[in-house]
C-alpha atoms as a PDB file:
ATOM      1  CA  MET A   1      97.830 149.499 100.652  1.00  0.00           C
ATOM      2  CA  VAL A   2      94.999 147.248  99.378  1.00  0.00           C
ATOM      3  CA  LEU A   3      97.184 145.795  96.699  1.00  0.00           C
ATOM      4  CA  ALA A   4      99.923 144.967  99.112  1.00  0.00           C
ATOM      5  CA  ALA A   5      97.451 143.251 101.466  1.00  0.00           C
ATOM      6  CA  MET A   6      96.163 141.104  98.521  1.00  0.00           C
ATOM      7  CA  LEU A   7      99.634 140.270  97.502  1.00  0.00           C
ATOM      8  CA  MET A   8     100.680 139.320 101.127  1.00  0.00           C
ATOM      9  CA  VAL A   9      97.693 136.915 101.248  1.00  0.00           C
ATOM     10  CA  ALA A  10      98.722 135.214  97.847  1.00  0.00           C
ATOM     11  CA  LEU A  11     102.369 135.005  99.113  1.00  0.00           C
ATOM     12  CA  ILE A  12     101.329 133.325 102.336  1.00  0.00           C
ATOM     13  CA  ALA A  13      99.151 130.974 100.500  1.00  0.00           C
ATOM     14  CA  LEU A  14     102.107 130.043  98.026  1.00  0.00           C
ATOM     15  CA  ALA A  15     104.366 129.596 101.005  1.00  0.00           C
ATOM     16  CA  GLY A  16     101.801 127.242 102.627  1.00  0.00           C
ATOM     17  CA  LEU A  17     101.567 125.349  99.550  1.00  0.00           C
ATOM     18  CA  ALA A  18     105.459 124.840  99.201  1.00  0.00           C
ATOM     19  CA  VAL A  19     105.774 123.662 102.768  1.00  0.00           C
ATOM     20  CA  ASP A  20     102.810 121.195 102.189  1.00  0.00           C
ATOM     21  CA  VAL A  21     104.347 119.817  99.033  1.00  0.00           C
ATOM     22  CA  GLY A  22     107.852 119.652 100.559  1.00  0.00           C
ATOM     23  CA  HIS A  23     106.486 117.626 103.543  1.00  0.00           C
ATOM     24  CA  ALA A  24     104.737 115.313 101.050  1.00  0.00           C
ATOM     25  CA  TYR A  25     108.060 114.662  99.309  1.00  0.00           C
ATOM     26  CA  LEU A  26     109.866 114.005 102.614  1.00  0.00           C
ATOM     27  CA  VAL A  27     107.208 111.399 103.678  1.00  0.00           C
ATOM     28  CA  LYS A  28     107.336 109.676 100.423  1.00  0.00           C
ATOM     29  CA  ARG A  29     111.217 109.458 100.496  1.00  0.00           C
ATOM     30  CA  GLN A  30     111.179 108.160 104.125  1.00  0.00           C
ATOM     31  CA  LEU A  31     108.647 105.573 103.436  1.00  0.00           C
ATOM     32  CA  GLN A  32     110.492 104.611 100.276  1.00  0.00           C
ATOM     33  CA  ALA A  33     113.720 104.292 102.115  1.00  0.00           C
ATOM     34  CA  GLY A  34     111.991 102.017 104.836  1.00  0.00           C
ATOM     35  CA  VAL A  35     110.337  99.694 102.295  1.00  0.00           C
ATOM     36  CA  ASP A  36     113.591  99.296 100.363  1.00  0.00           C
ATOM     37  CA  ALA A  37     115.468  98.438 103.499  1.00  0.00           C
ATOM     38  CA  ALA A  38     112.716  95.953 104.487  1.00  0.00           C
ATOM     39  CA  ALA A  39     112.789  94.331 100.999  1.00  0.00           C
ATOM     40  CA  LEU A  40     116.615  93.944 101.027  1.00  0.00           C
ATOM     41  CA  SER A  41     116.711  92.497 104.394  1.00  0.00           C
ATOM     42  CA  ALA A  42     113.938  90.031 103.763  1.00  0.00           C
ATOM     43  CA  ALA A  43     115.426  88.915 100.426  1.00  0.00           C
ATOM     44  CA  GLN A  44     118.491  87.597 102.295  1.00  0.00           C
ATOM     45  CA  ASP A  45     116.270  84.968 104.193  1.00  0.00           C
ATOM     46  CA  ILE A  46     114.384  83.907 101.034  1.00  0.00           C
ATOM     47  CA  PRO A  47     114.112  80.266 101.513  1.00  0.00           C
ATOM     48  CA  ASP A  48     112.478  80.602 104.983  1.00  0.00           C
ATOM     49  CA  ALA A  49     109.062  82.233 104.866  1.00  0.00           C
ATOM     50  CA  ALA A  50     108.810  82.954 108.533  1.00  0.00           C
ATOM     51  CA  ALA A  51     112.356  84.734 108.580  1.00  0.00           C
ATOM     52  CA  VAL A  52     111.429  86.587 105.364  1.00  0.00           C
ATOM     53  CA  THR A  53     108.291  88.140 106.909  1.00  0.00           C
ATOM     54  CA  ALA A  54     109.973  88.837 110.274  1.00  0.00           C
ATOM     55  CA  ALA A  55     112.808  90.659 108.661  1.00  0.00           C
ATOM     56  CA  ALA A  56     110.510  92.639 106.392  1.00  0.00           C
ATOM     57  CA  TYR A  57     108.441  93.678 109.465  1.00  0.00           C
ATOM     58  CA  ALA A  58     111.539  94.483 111.520  1.00  0.00           C
ATOM     59  CA  TYR A  59     113.161  96.654 109.134  1.00  0.00           C
ATOM     60  CA  GLY A  60     110.092  98.256 107.570  1.00  0.00           C
ATOM     61  CA  PRO A  61     108.786 101.774 107.999  1.00  0.00           C
ATOM     62  CA  SER A  62     106.013 100.815 110.496  1.00  0.00           C
ATOM     63  CA  VAL A  63     105.872 102.026 114.099  1.00  0.00           C
ATOM     64  CA  GLY A  64     108.354 100.327 116.265  1.00  0.00           C
ATOM     65  CA  ALA A  65     110.463  98.921 113.450  1.00  0.00           C
ATOM     66  CA  LYS A  66     114.117  99.962 112.879  1.00  0.00           C
ATOM     67  CA  ASN A  67     113.367 102.138 109.885  1.00  0.00           C
ATOM     68  CA  ALA A  68     110.099 103.744 111.429  1.00  0.00           C
ATOM     69  CA  THR A  69     109.204 107.117 109.890  1.00  0.00           C
ATOM     70  CA  THR A  70     109.198 110.069 111.915  1.00  0.00           C
ATOM     71  CA  THR A  71     106.780 112.030 109.924  1.00  0.00           C
ATOM     72  CA  VAL A  72     103.706 109.808 109.808  1.00  0.00           C
ATOM     73  CA  ASP A  73     102.251 107.802 112.736  1.00  0.00           C
ATOM     74  CA  LYS A  74     100.122 104.921 111.146  1.00  0.00           C
ATOM     75  CA  ALA A  75     102.353 103.246 108.543  1.00  0.00           C
ATOM     76  CA  THR A  76     101.486  99.455 107.951  1.00  0.00           C
ATOM     77  CA  THR A  77     103.733  97.322 106.152  1.00  0.00           C
ATOM     78  CA  GLN A  78     102.555  94.448 103.821  1.00  0.00           C
ATOM     79  CA  VAL A  79     104.760  91.482 102.824  1.00  0.00           C
ATOM     80  CA  GLU A  80     103.936  89.306  99.894  1.00  0.00           C
ATOM     81  CA  LEU A  81     105.886  86.144  98.854  1.00  0.00           C
ATOM     82  CA  LYS A  82     105.981  85.631  95.099  1.00  0.00           C
ATOM     83  CA  CYS A  83     107.082  82.864  92.724  1.00  0.00           C
ATOM     84  CA  ILE A  84     108.536  84.328  89.598  1.00  0.00           C
ATOM     85  CA  ARG A  85     108.844  81.715  86.998  1.00  0.00           C
ATOM     86  CA  SER A  86     111.467  83.272  84.850  1.00  0.00           C
ATOM     87  CA  ALA A  87     113.962  83.300  87.808  1.00  0.00           C
ATOM     88  CA  PRO A  88     115.598  80.241  89.294  1.00  0.00           C
ATOM     89  CA  GLY A  89     114.482  78.879  92.690  1.00  0.00           C
ATOM     90  CA  CYS A  90     110.727  78.567  92.400  1.00  0.00           C
ATOM     91  CA  SER A  91     108.783  75.580  91.360  1.00  0.00           C
ATOM     92  CA  THR A  92     105.087  75.555  90.711  1.00  0.00           C
ATOM     93  CA  LYS A  93     104.989  71.867  91.703  1.00  0.00           C
ATOM     94  CA  ARG A  94     106.037  72.518  95.215  1.00  0.00           C
ATOM     95  CA  ALA A  95     103.541  74.141  97.396  1.00  0.00           C
ATOM     96  CA  GLY A  96     104.655  77.234  99.197  1.00  0.00           C
ATOM     97  CA  SER A  97     107.823  77.775  97.122  1.00  0.00           C
ATOM     98  CA  PHE A  98     108.802  81.312  96.226  1.00  0.00           C
ATOM     99  CA  ASN A  99     111.901  83.325  94.975  1.00  0.00           C
ATOM    100  CA  ALA A 100     110.750  86.896  95.492  1.00  0.00           C
ATOM    101  CA  VAL A 101     109.422  89.105  98.092  1.00  0.00           C
ATOM    102  CA  ARG A 102     107.324  92.306  97.681  1.00  0.00           C
ATOM    103  CA  VAL A 103     107.207  94.839 100.407  1.00  0.00           C
ATOM    104  CA  SER A 104     104.752  97.645 100.395  1.00  0.00           C
ATOM    105  CA  VAL A 105     103.616 100.310 102.856  1.00  0.00           C
ATOM    106  CA  GLN A 106     100.186 101.853 103.367  1.00  0.00           C
ATOM    107  CA  VAL A 107      99.715 105.067 105.369  1.00  0.00           C
ATOM    108  CA  ALA A 108      96.334 106.389 106.666  1.00  0.00           C
ATOM    109  CA  CYS A 109      96.430 110.205 106.636  1.00  0.00           C
ATOM    110  CA  ARG A 110      93.665 112.636 106.911  1.00  0.00           C
ATOM    111  CA  VAL A 111      93.475 116.210 105.650  1.00  0.00           C
ATOM    112  CA  PRO A 112      92.779 118.757 108.349  1.00  0.00           C
ATOM    113  CA  GLY A 113      89.884 120.915 107.688  1.00  0.00           C
END
């Protein structure tokens, strides 16, 4: 009886760990899908900086956006316009020229306990 009780506690702990790890993978996948959608929609408007940032925020994983995550509440999207010299369309002589966009997301989460 004692052995069964100890094994039951270990089994419940492993089940909880599996649920937590599975949830972490789900959140990561949802955030990655939202960031990918935001980057692709922003890249279509690349000559116009205002349109790029607006598209990235509209399709990002932040709250209220079209690809908002359902598993976390406070996802914030960051948009960075870049000039990649090896790719065409960017000149270091013109101020504000860019040919790439980088979209990232940051999530503030707390561990209960």
